[in-house]
C-alpha atoms as a PDB file:
ATOM      1  CA  MET A   1      13.082  22.696   0.257  1.00  0.00           C
ATOM      2  CA  ALA A   2      12.975  19.054   1.188  1.00  0.00           C
ATOM      3  CA  THR A   3      15.746  16.698   0.099  1.00  0.00           C
ATOM      4  CA  HIS A   4      15.065  13.240  -1.100  1.00  0.00           C
ATOM      5  CA  LYS A   5      16.823  10.144   0.021  1.00  0.00           C
ATOM      6  CA  VAL A   6      19.337   8.531  -2.254  1.00  0.00           C
ATOM      7  CA  VAL A   7      18.369   5.002  -2.743  1.00  0.00           C
ATOM      8  CA  SER A   8      19.321   1.978  -5.163  1.00  0.00           C
ATOM      9  CA  ASP A   9      17.637   1.630  -8.404  1.00  0.00           C
ATOM     10  CA  GLN A  10      15.735  -1.415  -7.092  1.00  0.00           C
ATOM     11  CA  ASP A  11      14.359   0.455  -4.084  1.00  0.00           C
ATOM     12  CA  TRP A  12      13.310   3.389  -6.232  1.00  0.00           C
ATOM     13  CA  LEU A  13      11.504   1.076  -8.767  1.00  0.00           C
ATOM     14  CA  ALA A  14       9.657  -0.760  -5.906  1.00  0.00           C
ATOM     15  CA  ALA A  15       8.499   2.529  -4.414  1.00  0.00           C
ATOM     16  CA  HIS A  16       7.607   3.934  -7.799  1.00  0.00           C
ATOM     17  CA  SER A  17       5.601   0.836  -8.684  1.00  0.00           C
ATOM     18  CA  ALA A  18       3.717   0.944  -5.329  1.00  0.00           C
ATOM     19  CA  HIS A  19       2.895   4.569  -5.893  1.00  0.00           C
ATOM     20  CA  LEU A  20       1.633   3.818  -9.450  1.00  0.00           C
ATOM     21  CA  GLN A  21      -0.629   1.187  -8.019  1.00  0.00           C
ATOM     22  CA  GLU A  22      -2.100   3.734  -5.642  1.00  0.00           C
ATOM     23  CA  GLU A  23      -2.563   6.166  -8.451  1.00  0.00           C
ATOM     24  CA  LYS A  24      -4.313   3.669 -10.553  1.00  0.00           C
ATOM     25  CA  GLN A  25      -6.659   2.616  -7.669  1.00  0.00           C
ATOM     26  CA  LEU A  26      -7.531   6.267  -7.126  1.00  0.00           C
ATOM     27  CA  THR A  27      -8.304   6.707 -10.808  1.00  0.00           C
ATOM     28  CA  ARG A  28     -10.496   3.684 -10.873  1.00  0.00           C
ATOM     29  CA  GLN A  29     -12.383   5.140  -7.772  1.00  0.00           C
ATOM     30  CA  ARG A  30     -12.738   8.447  -9.360  1.00  0.00           C
ATOM     31  CA  ASP A  31     -14.036   6.896 -12.586  1.00  0.00           C
ATOM     32  CA  ALA A  32     -16.605   4.825 -10.646  1.00  0.00           C
ATOM     33  CA  LEU A  33     -17.791   7.994  -8.810  1.00  0.00           C
ATOM     34  CA  SER A  34     -18.104   9.912 -12.112  1.00  0.00           C
ATOM     35  CA  GLU A  35     -20.221   7.101 -13.585  1.00  0.00           C
ATOM     36  CA  LYS A  36     -22.542   7.257 -10.524  1.00  0.00           C
ATOM     37  CA  ARG A  37     -22.920  10.990 -11.128  1.00  0.00           C
ATOM     38  CA  ARG A  38     -23.817  10.452 -14.835  1.00  0.00           C
ATOM     39  CA  GLN A  39     -26.554   8.040 -13.668  1.00  0.00           C
ATOM     40  CA  LEU A  40     -28.212  10.598 -11.505  1.00  0.00           C
ATOM     41  CA  PRO A  41     -31.761  11.508 -12.614  1.00  0.00           C
END
């Protein structure tokens, strides 16, 4: 099992925020792709 680094709250919040932004971007891309699929004849 991998161990995680121990970091400050500030470092963790910055990394978490960056990760959430990537997840949101992926969700928007998936939503756009789903919309294209719904538009297919």
